[in-house]
Amino acid sequence: MIEATRAAALAHAIAEDPKECCGLVVILKGRERYWPCTNIHLEPEQCFEINPDDWEAAEEAGEVVAVVHSHIEIPPEPSPADQLGCEASALPWHIINPRSGAWGGCEPSGYRAPLIGRTWKWGTADCWTLARDFYANEGIMLPDWQRPHAYAEFEANPIFSRHWTEAGFEEVSLGNIQRGDAVFMNLSGPGINHVGVYLGDQTILHHAMNRLSSRDVYGGFLMEATRWIGRLR
């Protein structure tokens, strides 16, 4: 980024403190500009989520070439969630701490977070992301799908059932479950809204909302919540 872009981003970060700021670097008529965006995350002091209307407006005005956001209480080093978001966006990410003025960042590099202990973030580090990464480690690439803007929209109108067959799953019975089968569940609200991967020995890998991804015993509540078990064809 050029100095004028950095200065504009820093000013935005200072103005938004103690909330995380977010913005885009946009090429407008051959010139680099900082495009401030609204952070619509429910916990803006700890995370950020760019208003999709702001992103759309930036794309209509010019070419988006990078994402910018701030870290308030921690150094501007990319977290695992930042690195996953960077990979998903296919753009460089720049991070500024408004209190120290220090910069950090990351670029798309094929990063994958560890399967266990990753922080939940809707759209970039959620249950389907974890399932896709598990299968990718097995040499199987599954499609991703465009999430609704907010998790509450998905919970009110789950859309897993529109995608699992497209991804290549076919139903198997609980009695025939084996390692690598996907377990689709209803944890709350209507319909199927959660997926995990059966690891064998009565264990399941999954990533519940606002929890760290984990390997848990597959029984009790999780088994009762199961609505469909899928095996890749």
C-alpha atoms as a PDB file:
ATOM      1  CA  MET A   1       0.000   0.000   0.000  1.00  0.00           C
ATOM      2  CA  ILE A   2       1.127   3.549  -0.629  1.00  0.00           C
ATOM      3  CA  GLU A   3       1.567   5.910   2.315  1.00  0.00           C
ATOM      4  CA  ALA A   4      -1.662   7.836   1.639  1.00  0.00           C
ATOM      5  CA  THR A   5      -3.655   4.585   1.775  1.00  0.00           C
ATOM      6  CA  ARG A   6      -1.964   3.548   5.011  1.00  0.00           C
ATOM      7  CA  ALA A   7      -2.647   6.969   6.547  1.00  0.00           C
ATOM      8  CA  ALA A   8      -6.334   6.793   5.644  1.00  0.00           C
ATOM      9  CA  ALA A   9      -6.640   3.269   7.053  1.00  0.00           C
ATOM     10  CA  LEU A  10      -4.873   4.264  10.266  1.00  0.00           C
ATOM     11  CA  ALA A  11      -7.162   7.260  10.707  1.00  0.00           C
ATOM     12  CA  HIS A  12     -10.176   4.994  10.270  1.00  0.00           C
ATOM     13  CA  ALA A  13      -8.796   2.492  12.792  1.00  0.00           C
ATOM     14  CA  ILE A  14      -8.200   5.251  15.346  1.00  0.00           C
ATOM     15  CA  ALA A  15     -11.712   6.602  14.839  1.00  0.00           C
ATOM     16  CA  GLU A  16     -13.275   3.160  15.333  1.00  0.00           C
ATOM     17  CA  ASP A  17     -11.206   2.176  18.404  1.00  0.00           C
ATOM     18  CA  PRO A  18     -12.176   0.233  20.579  1.00  0.00           C
ATOM     19  CA  LYS A  19     -14.018  -1.517  17.745  1.00  0.00           C
ATOM     20  CA  GLU A  20     -12.105  -3.198  14.959  1.00  0.00           C
ATOM     21  CA  CYS A  21     -12.223  -1.209  11.767  1.00  0.00           C
ATOM     22  CA  CYS A  22     -12.448  -2.806   8.337  1.00  0.00           C
ATOM     23  CA  GLY A  23     -11.991  -1.544   4.832  1.00  0.00           C
ATOM     24  CA  LEU A  24     -10.747  -2.319   1.342  1.00  0.00           C
ATOM     25  CA  VAL A  25      -7.941  -1.143  -0.858  1.00  0.00           C
ATOM     26  CA  VAL A  26      -9.466  -0.193  -4.211  1.00  0.00           C
ATOM     27  CA  ILE A  27      -7.971   0.944  -7.486  1.00  0.00           C
ATOM     28  CA  LEU A  28     -10.118   3.858  -8.694  1.00  0.00           C
ATOM     29  CA  LYS A  29      -9.307   5.300 -12.112  1.00  0.00           C
ATOM     30  CA  GLY A  30      -5.713   4.184 -11.831  1.00  0.00           C
ATOM     31  CA  ARG A  31      -5.204   5.426  -8.275  1.00  0.00           C
ATOM     32  CA  GLU A  32      -5.012   3.447  -5.042  1.00  0.00           C
ATOM     33  CA  ARG A  33      -7.591   4.457  -2.432  1.00  0.00           C
ATOM     34  CA  TYR A  34      -8.674   3.239   1.021  1.00  0.00           C
ATOM     35  CA  TRP A  35     -12.391   2.379   1.073  1.00  0.00           C
ATOM     36  CA  PRO A  36     -13.734   2.426   4.664  1.00  0.00           C
ATOM     37  CA  CYS A  37     -16.411  -0.177   5.390  1.00  0.00           C
ATOM     38  CA  THR A  38     -18.838  -0.810   8.229  1.00  0.00           C
ATOM     39  CA  ASN A  39     -18.018  -3.581  10.684  1.00  0.00           C
ATOM     40  CA  ILE A  40     -21.317  -5.403  11.216  1.00  0.00           C
ATOM     41  CA  HIS A  41     -19.977  -8.214  13.410  1.00  0.00           C
ATOM     42  CA  LEU A  42     -22.005  -8.831  16.568  1.00  0.00           C
ATOM     43  CA  GLU A  43     -18.788  -8.509  18.624  1.00  0.00           C
ATOM     44  CA  PRO A  44     -16.948  -5.689  16.832  1.00  0.00           C
ATOM     45  CA  GLU A  45     -14.448  -5.229  19.668  1.00  0.00           C
ATOM     46  CA  GLN A  46     -12.992  -8.657  18.895  1.00  0.00           C
ATOM     47  CA  CYS A  47     -13.880  -9.484  15.280  1.00  0.00           C
ATOM     48  CA  PHE A  48     -14.876  -7.855  12.045  1.00  0.00           C
ATOM     49  CA  GLU A  49     -17.304  -8.551   9.236  1.00  0.00           C
ATOM     50  CA  ILE A  50     -17.462  -6.236   6.248  1.00  0.00           C
ATOM     51  CA  ASN A  51     -20.913  -5.041   5.304  1.00  0.00           C
ATOM     52  CA  PRO A  52     -21.558  -6.784   1.959  1.00  0.00           C
ATOM     53  CA  ASP A  53     -23.215  -3.624   0.629  1.00  0.00           C
ATOM     54  CA  ASP A  54     -19.935  -1.765   1.192  1.00  0.00           C
ATOM     55  CA  TRP A  55     -17.974  -4.463  -0.627  1.00  0.00           C
ATOM     56  CA  GLU A  56     -20.421  -4.414  -3.534  1.00  0.00           C
ATOM     57  CA  ALA A  57     -20.176  -0.625  -3.766  1.00  0.00           C
ATOM     58  CA  ALA A  58     -16.379  -0.836  -3.818  1.00  0.00           C
ATOM     59  CA  GLU A  59     -16.455  -3.419  -6.617  1.00  0.00           C
ATOM     60  CA  GLU A  60     -18.823  -1.235  -8.628  1.00  0.00           C
ATOM     61  CA  ALA A  61     -16.521   1.761  -8.183  1.00  0.00           C
ATOM     62  CA  GLY A  62     -13.218   0.055  -9.003  1.00  0.00           C
ATOM     63  CA  GLU A  63     -11.090  -3.030  -8.432  1.00  0.00           C
ATOM     64  CA  VAL A  64     -10.735  -4.408  -4.891  1.00  0.00           C
ATOM     65  CA  VAL A  65      -7.123  -5.468  -4.385  1.00  0.00           C
ATOM     66  CA  ALA A  66      -6.802  -5.978  -0.609  1.00  0.00           C
ATOM     67  CA  VAL A  67      -8.640  -6.189   2.715  1.00  0.00           C
ATOM     68  CA  VAL A  68      -7.715  -4.058   5.737  1.00  0.00           C
ATOM     69  CA  HIS A  69      -8.765  -4.428   9.364  1.00  0.00           C
ATOM     70  CA  SER A  70      -7.451  -3.565  12.802  1.00  0.00           C
ATOM     71  CA  HIS A  71      -6.433  -5.449  15.918  1.00  0.00           C
ATOM     72  CA  ILE A  72      -7.009  -3.441  19.071  1.00  0.00           C
ATOM     73  CA  GLU A  73      -5.639  -5.288  22.098  1.00  0.00           C
ATOM     74  CA  ILE A  74      -3.254  -7.627  20.280  1.00  0.00           C
ATOM     75  CA  PRO A  75      -0.377  -7.191  17.814  1.00  0.00           C
ATOM     76  CA  PRO A  76      -1.301  -6.920  14.129  1.00  0.00           C
ATOM     77  CA  GLU A  77      -0.311 -10.511  13.384  1.00  0.00           C
ATOM     78  CA  PRO A  78      -2.796 -12.634  11.404  1.00  0.00           C
ATOM     79  CA  SER A  79      -4.825 -15.031  13.517  1.00  0.00           C
ATOM     80  CA  PRO A  80      -5.812 -18.449  12.137  1.00  0.00           C
ATOM     81  CA  ALA A  81      -9.250 -16.951  11.393  1.00  0.00           C
ATOM     82  CA  ASP A  82      -7.553 -14.087   9.521  1.00  0.00           C
ATOM     83  CA  GLN A  83      -5.506 -16.534   7.478  1.00  0.00           C
ATOM     84  CA  LEU A  84      -8.586 -18.565   6.616  1.00  0.00           C
ATOM     85  CA  GLY A  85     -10.436 -15.403   5.623  1.00  0.00           C
ATOM     86  CA  CYS A  86      -7.478 -14.346   3.515  1.00  0.00           C
ATOM     87  CA  GLU A  87      -7.528 -17.671   1.678  1.00  0.00           C
ATOM     88  CA  ALA A  88     -11.290 -17.431   1.138  1.00  0.00           C
ATOM     89  CA  SER A  89     -11.034 -13.895  -0.257  1.00  0.00           C
ATOM     90  CA  ALA A  90      -8.014 -14.682  -2.471  1.00  0.00           C
ATOM     91  CA  LEU A  91      -6.710 -11.206  -1.579  1.00  0.00           C
ATOM     92  CA  PRO A  92      -3.854  -9.860   0.572  1.00  0.00           C
ATOM     93  CA  TRP A  93      -4.924  -8.816   4.080  1.00  0.00           C
ATOM     94  CA  HIS A  94      -3.343  -5.843   5.894  1.00  0.00           C
ATOM     95  CA  ILE A  95      -3.708  -5.462   9.671  1.00  0.00           C
ATOM     96  CA  ILE A  96      -3.138  -2.284  11.683  1.00  0.00           C
ATOM     97  CA  ASN A  97      -2.997  -1.700  15.433  1.00  0.00           C
ATOM     98  CA  PRO A  98      -4.276   1.883  15.926  1.00  0.00           C
ATOM     99  CA  ARG A  99      -2.635   2.222  19.331  1.00  0.00           C
ATOM    100  CA  SER A 100       0.888   1.214  18.316  1.00  0.00           C
ATOM    101  CA  GLY A 101       0.721   2.116  14.636  1.00  0.00           C
ATOM    102  CA  ALA A 102       2.256  -1.258  13.778  1.00  0.00           C
ATOM    103  CA  TRP A 103       1.298  -3.156  10.635  1.00  0.00           C
ATOM    104  CA  GLY A 104       1.090  -6.842   9.792  1.00  0.00           C
ATOM    105  CA  GLY A 105      -0.733  -9.016   7.345  1.00  0.00           C
ATOM    106  CA  CYS A 106      -0.847 -12.115   5.190  1.00  0.00           C
ATOM    107  CA  GLU A 107      -1.382 -13.257   1.619  1.00  0.00           C
ATOM    108  CA  PRO A 108      -3.115 -16.322   0.152  1.00  0.00           C
ATOM    109  CA  SER A 109      -0.662 -19.202   0.413  1.00  0.00           C
ATOM    110  CA  GLY A 110      -2.742 -22.362   0.709  1.00  0.00           C
ATOM    111  CA  TYR A 111      -3.035 -22.070   4.500  1.00  0.00           C
ATOM    112  CA  ARG A 112      -5.211 -24.572   6.320  1.00  0.00           C
ATOM    113  CA  ALA A 113      -5.906 -24.248  10.031  1.00  0.00           C
ATOM    114  CA  PRO A 114      -5.386 -27.273  12.299  1.00  0.00           C
ATOM    115  CA  LEU A 115      -8.522 -29.401  12.439  1.00  0.00           C
ATOM    116  CA  ILE A 116      -8.636 -29.268  16.248  1.00  0.00           C
ATOM    117  CA  GLY A 117      -8.841 -26.011  18.211  1.00  0.00           C
ATOM    118  CA  ARG A 118      -9.731 -23.534  15.464  1.00  0.00           C
ATOM    119  CA  THR A 119     -11.884 -20.515  16.334  1.00  0.00           C
ATOM    120  CA  TRP A 120     -15.420 -20.462  14.884  1.00  0.00           C
ATOM    121  CA  LYS A 121     -16.238 -17.808  12.311  1.00  0.00           C
ATOM    122  CA  TRP A 122     -19.290 -18.012  10.096  1.00  0.00           C
ATOM    123  CA  GLY A 123     -18.407 -18.515   6.460  1.00  0.00           C
ATOM    124  CA  THR A 124     -14.663 -19.023   6.837  1.00  0.00           C
ATOM    125  CA  ALA A 125     -14.189 -21.244   9.902  1.00  0.00           C
ATOM    126  CA  ASP A 126     -17.479 -23.019  10.506  1.00  0.00           C
ATOM    127  CA  CYS A 127     -18.673 -26.626  10.492  1.00  0.00           C
ATOM    128  CA  TRP A 128     -18.713 -26.999   6.693  1.00  0.00           C
ATOM    129  CA  THR A 129     -15.238 -25.423   6.428  1.00  0.00           C
ATOM    130  CA  LEU A 130     -13.935 -28.006   8.898  1.00  0.00           C
ATOM    131  CA  ALA A 131     -15.584 -30.880   7.017  1.00  0.00           C
ATOM    132  CA  ARG A 132     -14.134 -29.654   3.709  1.00  0.00           C
ATOM    133  CA  ASP A 133     -10.667 -29.376   5.254  1.00  0.00           C
ATOM    134  CA  PHE A 134     -10.919 -32.912   6.677  1.00  0.00           C
ATOM    135  CA  TYR A 135     -11.750 -34.326   3.264  1.00  0.00           C
ATOM    136  CA  ALA A 136      -9.076 -32.174   1.612  1.00  0.00           C
ATOM    137  CA  ASN A 137      -6.526 -33.809   3.903  1.00  0.00           C
ATOM    138  CA  GLU A 138      -7.813 -37.120   2.561  1.00  0.00           C
ATOM    139  CA  GLY A 139      -7.267 -35.930  -1.001  1.00  0.00           C
ATOM    140  CA  ILE A 140     -10.946 -35.185  -1.665  1.00  0.00           C
ATOM    141  CA  MET A 141     -11.930 -31.665  -2.695  1.00  0.00           C
ATOM    142  CA  LEU A 142     -15.530 -30.761  -1.887  1.00  0.00           C
ATOM    143  CA  PRO A 143     -17.332 -27.679  -3.233  1.00  0.00           C
ATOM    144  CA  ASP A 144     -17.986 -24.699  -1.015  1.00  0.00           C
ATOM    145  CA  TRP A 145     -21.258 -22.767  -1.110  1.00  0.00           C
ATOM    146  CA  GLN A 146     -22.252 -19.174  -0.598  1.00  0.00           C
ATOM    147  CA  ARG A 147     -23.483 -18.700   2.947  1.00  0.00           C
ATOM    148  CA  PRO A 148     -26.231 -16.246   3.865  1.00  0.00           C
ATOM    149  CA  HIS A 149     -24.759 -13.030   5.210  1.00  0.00           C
ATOM    150  CA  ALA A 150     -25.618 -13.799   8.845  1.00  0.00           C
ATOM    151  CA  TYR A 151     -25.695 -17.140  10.630  1.00  0.00           C
ATOM    152  CA  ALA A 152     -29.139 -16.268  11.994  1.00  0.00           C
ATOM    153  CA  GLU A 153     -30.446 -16.260   8.407  1.00  0.00           C
ATOM    154  CA  PHE A 154     -29.040 -19.748   7.863  1.00  0.00           C
ATOM    155  CA  GLU A 155     -30.382 -21.035  11.182  1.00  0.00           C
ATOM    156  CA  ALA A 156     -33.863 -19.778  10.294  1.00  0.00           C
ATOM    157  CA  ASN A 157     -33.676 -21.315   6.822  1.00  0.00           C
ATOM    158  CA  PRO A 158     -31.047 -24.103   6.733  1.00  0.00           C
ATOM    159  CA  ILE A 159     -29.871 -24.993   3.254  1.00  0.00           C
ATOM    160  CA  PHE A 160     -27.640 -28.021   3.814  1.00  0.00           C
ATOM    161  CA  SER A 161     -30.173 -30.292   2.126  1.00  0.00           C
ATOM    162  CA  ARG A 162     -29.669 -28.379  -1.133  1.00  0.00           C
ATOM    163  CA  HIS A 163     -25.950 -29.069  -1.173  1.00  0.00           C
ATOM    164  CA  TRP A 164     -25.011 -32.461   0.259  1.00  0.00           C
ATOM    165  CA  THR A 165     -26.040 -34.464  -2.805  1.00  0.00           C
ATOM    166  CA  GLU A 166     -24.317 -31.892  -5.041  1.00  0.00           C
ATOM    167  CA  ALA A 167     -21.172 -32.522  -2.990  1.00  0.00           C
ATOM    168  CA  GLY A 168     -21.435 -36.254  -3.733  1.00  0.00           C
ATOM    169  CA  PHE A 169     -22.976 -37.680  -0.561  1.00  0.00           C
ATOM    170  CA  GLU A 170     -25.523 -40.493  -0.498  1.00  0.00           C
ATOM    171  CA  GLU A 171     -27.438 -41.614   2.572  1.00  0.00           C
ATOM    172  CA  VAL A 172     -26.342 -44.526   4.738  1.00  0.00           C
ATOM    173  CA  SER A 173     -27.870 -45.847   7.927  1.00  0.00           C
ATOM    174  CA  LEU A 174     -26.564 -45.159  11.417  1.00  0.00           C
ATOM    175  CA  GLY A 175     -25.923 -48.876  11.812  1.00  0.00           C
ATOM    176  CA  ASN A 176     -23.524 -48.808   8.854  1.00  0.00           C
ATOM    177  CA  ILE A 177     -21.637 -45.651   9.797  1.00  0.00           C
ATOM    178  CA  GLN A 178     -17.902 -45.755   9.132  1.00  0.00           C
ATOM    179  CA  ARG A 179     -14.881 -43.461   9.284  1.00  0.00           C
ATOM    180  CA  GLY A 180     -15.220 -40.525   6.908  1.00  0.00           C
ATOM    181  CA  ASP A 181     -19.007 -40.419   6.829  1.00  0.00           C
ATOM    182  CA  ALA A 182     -20.573 -36.989   7.209  1.00  0.00           C
ATOM    183  CA  VAL A 183     -23.049 -36.597  10.053  1.00  0.00           C
ATOM    184  CA  PHE A 184     -25.699 -33.937   9.414  1.00  0.00           C
ATOM    185  CA  MET A 185     -27.456 -32.674  12.532  1.00  0.00           C
ATOM    186  CA  ASN A 186     -30.084 -30.307  13.865  1.00  0.00           C
ATOM    187  CA  LEU A 187     -28.606 -28.556  16.907  1.00  0.00           C
ATOM    188  CA  SER A 188     -31.183 -25.772  17.146  1.00  0.00           C
ATOM    189  CA  GLY A 189     -34.006 -24.202  15.201  1.00  0.00           C
ATOM    190  CA  PRO A 190     -35.638 -25.882  12.194  1.00  0.00           C
ATOM    191  CA  GLY A 191     -33.924 -28.243   9.805  1.00  0.00           C
ATOM    192  CA  ILE A 192     -30.371 -29.525   9.460  1.00  0.00           C
ATOM    193  CA  ASN A 193     -27.857 -26.856  10.430  1.00  0.00           C
ATOM    194  CA  HIS A 194     -24.675 -28.646  11.499  1.00  0.00           C
ATOM    195  CA  VAL A 195     -22.277 -31.195  10.042  1.00  0.00           C
ATOM    196  CA  GLY A 196     -19.456 -33.257  11.486  1.00  0.00           C
ATOM    197  CA  VAL A 197     -17.261 -36.103  10.267  1.00  0.00           C
ATOM    198  CA  TYR A 198     -17.304 -39.516  11.913  1.00  0.00           C
ATOM    199  CA  LEU A 199     -13.778 -40.600  12.887  1.00  0.00           C
ATOM    200  CA  GLY A 200     -14.556 -44.113  14.081  1.00  0.00           C
ATOM    201  CA  ASP A 201     -14.484 -45.481  17.629  1.00  0.00           C
ATOM    202  CA  GLN A 202     -17.586 -43.449  18.523  1.00  0.00           C
ATOM    203  CA  THR A 203     -15.869 -40.120  17.937  1.00  0.00           C
ATOM    204  CA  ILE A 204     -16.818 -37.198  15.707  1.00  0.00           C
ATOM    205  CA  LEU A 205     -14.944 -34.149  14.443  1.00  0.00           C
ATOM    206  CA  HIS A 206     -17.093 -31.011  14.351  1.00  0.00           C
ATOM    207  CA  HIS A 207     -17.137 -27.256  14.905  1.00  0.00           C
ATOM    208  CA  ALA A 208     -20.112 -25.894  16.815  1.00  0.00           C
ATOM    209  CA  MET A 209     -20.944 -22.201  16.761  1.00  0.00           C
ATOM    210  CA  ASN A 210     -18.831 -20.042  19.111  1.00  0.00           C
ATOM    211  CA  ARG A 211     -16.768 -23.041  20.211  1.00  0.00           C
ATOM    212  CA  LEU A 212     -13.386 -24.376  19.203  1.00  0.00           C
ATOM    213  CA  SER A 213     -13.370 -27.230  16.707  1.00  0.00           C
ATOM    214  CA  SER A 214     -13.061 -30.490  18.585  1.00  0.00           C
ATOM    215  CA  ARG A 215     -13.072 -34.276  18.564  1.00  0.00           C
ATOM    216  CA  ASP A 216     -15.988 -35.420  20.743  1.00  0.00           C
ATOM    217  CA  VAL A 217     -17.731 -38.612  21.685  1.00  0.00           C
ATOM    218  CA  TYR A 218     -20.472 -39.375  19.179  1.00  0.00           C
ATOM    219  CA  GLY A 219     -23.366 -40.204  21.425  1.00  0.00           C
ATOM    220  CA  GLY A 220     -25.942 -38.571  23.652  1.00  0.00           C
ATOM    221  CA  PHE A 221     -27.056 -35.180  22.347  1.00  0.00           C
ATOM    222  CA  LEU A 222     -25.060 -35.355  19.108  1.00  0.00           C
ATOM    223  CA  MET A 223     -26.506 -38.727  18.169  1.00  0.00           C
ATOM    224  CA  GLU A 224     -30.017 -37.584  19.087  1.00  0.00           C
ATOM    225  CA  ALA A 225     -29.501 -34.485  16.920  1.00  0.00           C
ATOM    226  CA  THR A 226     -28.444 -36.557  13.877  1.00  0.00           C
ATOM    227  CA  ARG A 227     -30.865 -36.366  10.981  1.00  0.00           C
ATOM    228  CA  TRP A 228     -28.881 -37.750   8.036  1.00  0.00           C
ATOM    229  CA  ILE A 229     -25.610 -39.626   7.490  1.00  0.00           C
ATOM    230  CA  GLY A 230     -23.866 -39.240   4.158  1.00  0.00           C
ATOM    231  CA  ARG A 231     -21.099 -41.210   2.465  1.00  0.00           C
ATOM    232  CA  LEU A 232     -19.185 -39.899  -0.506  1.00  0.00           C
ATOM    233  CA  ARG A 233     -19.908 -41.829  -3.650  1.00  0.00           C
END
